[in-house]
Amino acid sequence: MYKKLILAAAVAGFATAASAESITYTMDPAHTQVVAQWNHFGFSNPTIHFGQVDGTVTYDPENVEASSVQVTIPLSGMDSGVEAFNEHLRTADFFDIAQHPEVTFRSTSVKALGADRMRVTGDLTMHGITRPVDLAVTVNGVGTHAMTGQPAAGFDAEATILRSDFGLDMYAPTVSDEIKLRITTEATVPAPEGE
C-alpha cells in the first residue's frame, strides 16, 4: 500500500510538471521603452530613446532557466529630443545606420536570482559588432491583461555597457564610455484573429 502511494504521488508530480508550459509573449511597442544614458563632459546625463521595439519573451516562472528573449530595435526611431543630434547619431561618426540599421539582442542563458529577479545573459549586436551583455531583470507581473483578457507579463531590465566595445568611441572618455541601459516592457499573447 505504501509503495502504491509513493508511485501515485510520483505520477501526480510528473503530470503537474509536464502540464507547466512556457508562454511566449509579444512585446507591446506602445508600452516598451529602451533608454540609454551617459555622462556628457561631467556636466549632464542626457538620454536617448531607441523608439519602437520588436521582440518576444518566452517565460515560465516554474522553469525560469528555460526562458528566452529576442529583440530587434530599428535605429530609425532613435530620438534624443533634438533632431540635429539625432541626425549626427545616425551618421558614420556613431551608429552609421545606413550600414547597420538595427540593434539586436538574443539571450543565451537565464538564471533565477530569487523572487521576481533574473539575470539574462545574451548577445547584443550593435554597429556590426556582437558582445555578451548581462541584464538585471525584475518581473513586474504575470497574469491576465485587464483590457485584452489575454496572458500578459511585464519586465524591467538594466545593464551597463561600454560603447567602445561596439566601435562607438567618439569623444570617449570625456563623453563617458560607460552607457547605462534601462528597459521596460509589457508583453502579451496576441488574441486569435477574429476575436
Protein backbone atom coordinates (compact mmCIF):
# COMPACT_ATOMS: atom_id res chain seq x y z
CA MET A 1 0.00 0.00 0.00
CA TYR A 2 2.81 2.38 0.93
CA LYS A 3 4.60 1.74 -2.38
CA LYS A 4 1.38 2.44 -4.28
CA LEU A 5 1.01 5.79 -2.50
CA ILE A 6 4.59 6.75 -3.40
CA LEU A 7 4.04 5.75 -7.03
CA ALA A 8 0.78 7.72 -7.18
CA ALA A 9 2.49 10.82 -5.74
CA ALA A 10 5.34 10.50 -8.22
CA VAL A 11 2.94 10.18 -11.15
CA ALA A 12 0.94 13.21 -9.93
CA GLY A 13 4.12 15.24 -9.55
CA PHE A 14 5.25 14.30 -13.06
CA ALA A 15 1.85 15.23 -14.50
CA THR A 16 1.96 18.64 -12.79
CA ALA A 17 5.49 19.32 -14.09
CA ALA A 18 4.53 18.19 -17.57
CA SER A 19 1.49 20.48 -17.62
CA ALA A 20 3.55 23.60 -16.83
CA GLU A 21 4.50 25.32 -20.06
CA SER A 22 6.50 28.33 -21.09
CA ILE A 23 4.44 31.10 -22.65
CA THR A 24 5.79 33.25 -25.47
CA TYR A 25 4.72 36.87 -25.16
CA THR A 26 5.00 39.54 -27.86
CA MET A 27 6.33 42.91 -26.72
CA ASP A 28 3.83 45.75 -27.00
CA PRO A 29 5.73 48.58 -28.73
CA ALA A 30 3.36 51.16 -27.20
CA HIS A 31 4.38 50.05 -23.71
CA THR A 32 8.03 49.15 -24.27
CA GLN A 33 10.94 51.56 -23.96
CA VAL A 34 14.70 51.19 -24.30
CA VAL A 35 16.63 54.18 -22.97
CA ALA A 36 20.39 54.83 -22.97
CA GLN A 37 22.05 57.37 -20.67
CA TRP A 38 25.61 58.69 -20.47
CA ASN A 39 27.61 61.49 -18.89
CA HIS A 40 28.49 64.49 -21.06
CA PHE A 41 31.81 66.12 -20.06
CA GLY A 42 30.85 65.80 -16.39
CA PHE A 43 28.04 68.34 -16.72
CA SER A 44 24.88 66.45 -17.70
CA ASN A 45 23.42 62.96 -18.07
CA PRO A 46 21.39 63.01 -21.30
CA THR A 47 19.34 60.14 -22.67
CA ILE A 48 18.19 58.76 -25.98
CA HIS A 49 15.11 56.63 -26.59
CA PHE A 50 15.51 53.86 -29.13
CA GLY A 51 11.97 54.05 -30.46
CA GLN A 52 9.83 51.11 -31.49
CA VAL A 53 10.92 47.70 -30.27
CA ASP A 54 10.03 44.36 -31.85
CA GLY A 55 10.56 41.29 -29.71
CA THR A 56 9.35 38.25 -27.81
CA VAL A 57 9.81 36.94 -24.29
CA THR A 58 9.35 33.26 -23.51
CA TYR A 59 8.83 32.87 -19.78
CA ASP A 60 7.81 30.18 -17.32
CA PRO A 61 8.01 31.17 -13.63
CA GLU A 62 8.24 27.48 -12.71
CA ASN A 63 11.23 26.92 -15.00
CA VAL A 64 12.99 30.26 -15.31
CA GLU A 65 16.12 28.79 -16.90
CA ALA A 66 14.05 27.75 -19.94
CA SER A 67 13.10 31.38 -20.60
CA SER A 68 14.45 33.40 -23.53
CA VAL A 69 14.36 36.87 -25.08
CA GLN A 70 14.71 38.07 -28.67
CA VAL A 71 14.64 41.78 -29.51
CA THR A 72 15.14 43.86 -32.64
CA ILE A 73 15.34 47.67 -32.47
CA PRO A 74 15.25 49.67 -35.73
CA LEU A 75 17.55 52.66 -35.23
CA SER A 76 15.43 54.84 -37.50
CA GLY A 77 13.27 55.60 -34.45
CA MET A 78 16.16 56.69 -32.21
CA ASP A 79 15.28 60.00 -30.56
CA SER A 80 17.26 62.34 -28.32
CA GLY A 81 14.66 65.07 -28.46
CA VAL A 82 16.92 67.20 -30.68
CA GLU A 83 16.67 66.45 -34.40
CA ALA A 84 20.14 67.76 -35.26
CA PHE A 85 21.67 65.42 -32.67
CA ASN A 86 19.52 62.55 -33.94
CA GLU A 87 20.96 63.10 -37.43
CA HIS A 88 24.51 63.11 -36.05
CA LEU A 89 23.89 59.86 -34.16
CA ARG A 90 22.73 58.24 -37.40
CA THR A 91 25.95 59.09 -39.26
CA ALA A 92 29.18 57.08 -39.53
CA ASP A 93 30.51 59.08 -36.54
CA PHE A 94 28.27 56.96 -34.35
CA PHE A 95 25.68 54.30 -35.29
CA ASP A 96 26.09 54.51 -39.09
CA ILE A 97 22.53 53.32 -39.60
CA ALA A 98 22.90 53.23 -43.38
CA GLN A 99 25.20 50.22 -42.84
CA HIS A 100 23.82 48.97 -39.51
CA PRO A 101 20.10 49.85 -39.37
CA GLU A 102 19.16 47.88 -36.26
CA VAL A 103 20.28 46.61 -32.89
CA THR A 104 19.51 43.04 -31.82
CA PHE A 105 19.64 41.10 -28.58
CA ARG A 106 19.38 37.32 -28.31
CA SER A 107 19.52 35.69 -24.90
CA THR A 108 21.88 32.77 -24.34
CA SER A 109 21.01 31.97 -20.71
CA VAL A 110 18.57 32.98 -17.98
CA LYS A 111 19.22 32.48 -14.27
CA ALA A 112 16.74 32.94 -11.42
CA LEU A 113 18.07 35.18 -8.64
CA GLY A 114 15.23 34.89 -6.15
CA ALA A 115 11.70 36.24 -6.08
CA ASP A 116 10.94 38.12 -9.30
CA ARG A 117 14.62 38.62 -10.15
CA MET A 118 16.63 37.15 -13.02
CA ARG A 119 19.93 37.58 -14.80
CA VAL A 120 19.54 37.37 -18.56
CA THR A 121 22.78 36.94 -20.50
CA GLY A 122 22.80 37.34 -24.24
CA ASP A 123 24.47 38.60 -27.39
CA LEU A 124 23.98 42.30 -28.14
CA THR A 125 24.73 43.22 -31.75
CA MET A 126 25.20 46.90 -32.47
CA HIS A 127 27.18 48.76 -35.14
CA GLY A 128 28.02 45.38 -36.69
CA ILE A 129 29.71 44.12 -33.51
CA THR A 130 28.41 41.42 -31.15
CA ARG A 131 29.30 41.34 -27.46
CA PRO A 132 27.88 39.44 -24.45
CA VAL A 133 25.75 41.55 -22.10
CA ASP A 134 24.17 40.79 -18.73
CA LEU A 135 20.74 42.24 -17.95
CA ALA A 136 19.48 42.54 -14.37
CA VAL A 137 15.77 41.80 -14.78
CA THR A 138 12.80 42.38 -12.49
CA VAL A 139 9.49 40.61 -13.16
CA ASN A 140 6.83 43.29 -12.69
CA GLY A 141 3.87 40.98 -13.08
CA VAL A 142 2.45 37.93 -14.85
CA GLY A 143 -1.25 37.30 -15.35
CA THR A 144 -4.27 38.20 -17.46
CA HIS A 145 -4.33 41.64 -19.07
CA ALA A 146 -7.29 43.67 -17.79
CA MET A 147 -8.01 45.23 -21.21
CA THR A 148 -7.46 42.33 -23.58
CA GLY A 149 -8.17 39.30 -21.41
CA GLN A 150 -5.00 37.74 -22.84
CA PRO A 151 -2.00 36.35 -20.92
CA ALA A 152 0.47 39.15 -20.19
CA ALA A 153 3.80 39.74 -18.49
CA GLY A 154 5.85 42.82 -17.65
CA PHE A 155 9.57 43.22 -17.04
CA ASP A 156 12.14 45.91 -16.24
CA ALA A 157 15.83 45.44 -17.02
CA GLU A 158 19.09 47.33 -16.57
CA ALA A 159 22.58 46.89 -17.96
CA THR A 160 25.80 48.84 -18.27
CA ILE A 161 27.89 48.59 -21.43
CA LEU A 162 30.98 50.28 -22.87
CA ARG A 163 30.20 51.94 -26.18
CA SER A 164 33.83 51.48 -27.25
CA ASP A 165 33.18 47.71 -27.25
CA PHE A 166 30.90 48.38 -30.23
CA GLY A 167 33.17 50.80 -32.10
CA LEU A 168 31.22 53.83 -30.84
CA ASP A 169 34.08 55.62 -29.11
CA MET A 170 33.96 59.17 -30.48
CA TYR A 171 34.82 61.72 -27.73
CA ALA A 172 35.47 58.98 -25.16
CA PRO A 173 36.32 59.20 -22.33
CA THR A 174 35.40 62.90 -21.86
CA VAL A 175 31.94 61.86 -23.03
CA SER A 176 31.56 58.72 -20.96
CA ASP A 177 32.38 55.38 -22.48
CA GLU A 178 30.00 53.79 -19.98
CA ILE A 179 26.38 53.68 -21.09
CA LYS A 180 23.50 52.77 -18.81
CA LEU A 181 20.63 50.94 -20.46
CA ARG A 182 17.12 50.85 -18.99
CA ILE A 183 14.36 48.73 -20.48
CA THR A 184 10.72 48.34 -19.57
CA THR A 185 8.30 46.14 -21.47
CA GLU A 186 4.73 44.97 -21.34
CA ALA A 187 4.24 41.84 -23.41
CA THR A 188 1.10 39.87 -24.22
CA VAL A 189 -0.10 36.83 -26.10
CA PRO A 190 -1.90 38.22 -29.15
CA ALA A 191 -5.59 37.40 -29.33
CA PRO A 192 -6.53 34.86 -32.01
CA GLU A 193 -7.56 36.51 -35.27
CA GLY A 194 -11.25 37.27 -35.44
CA GLU A 195 -11.59 37.96 -31.72
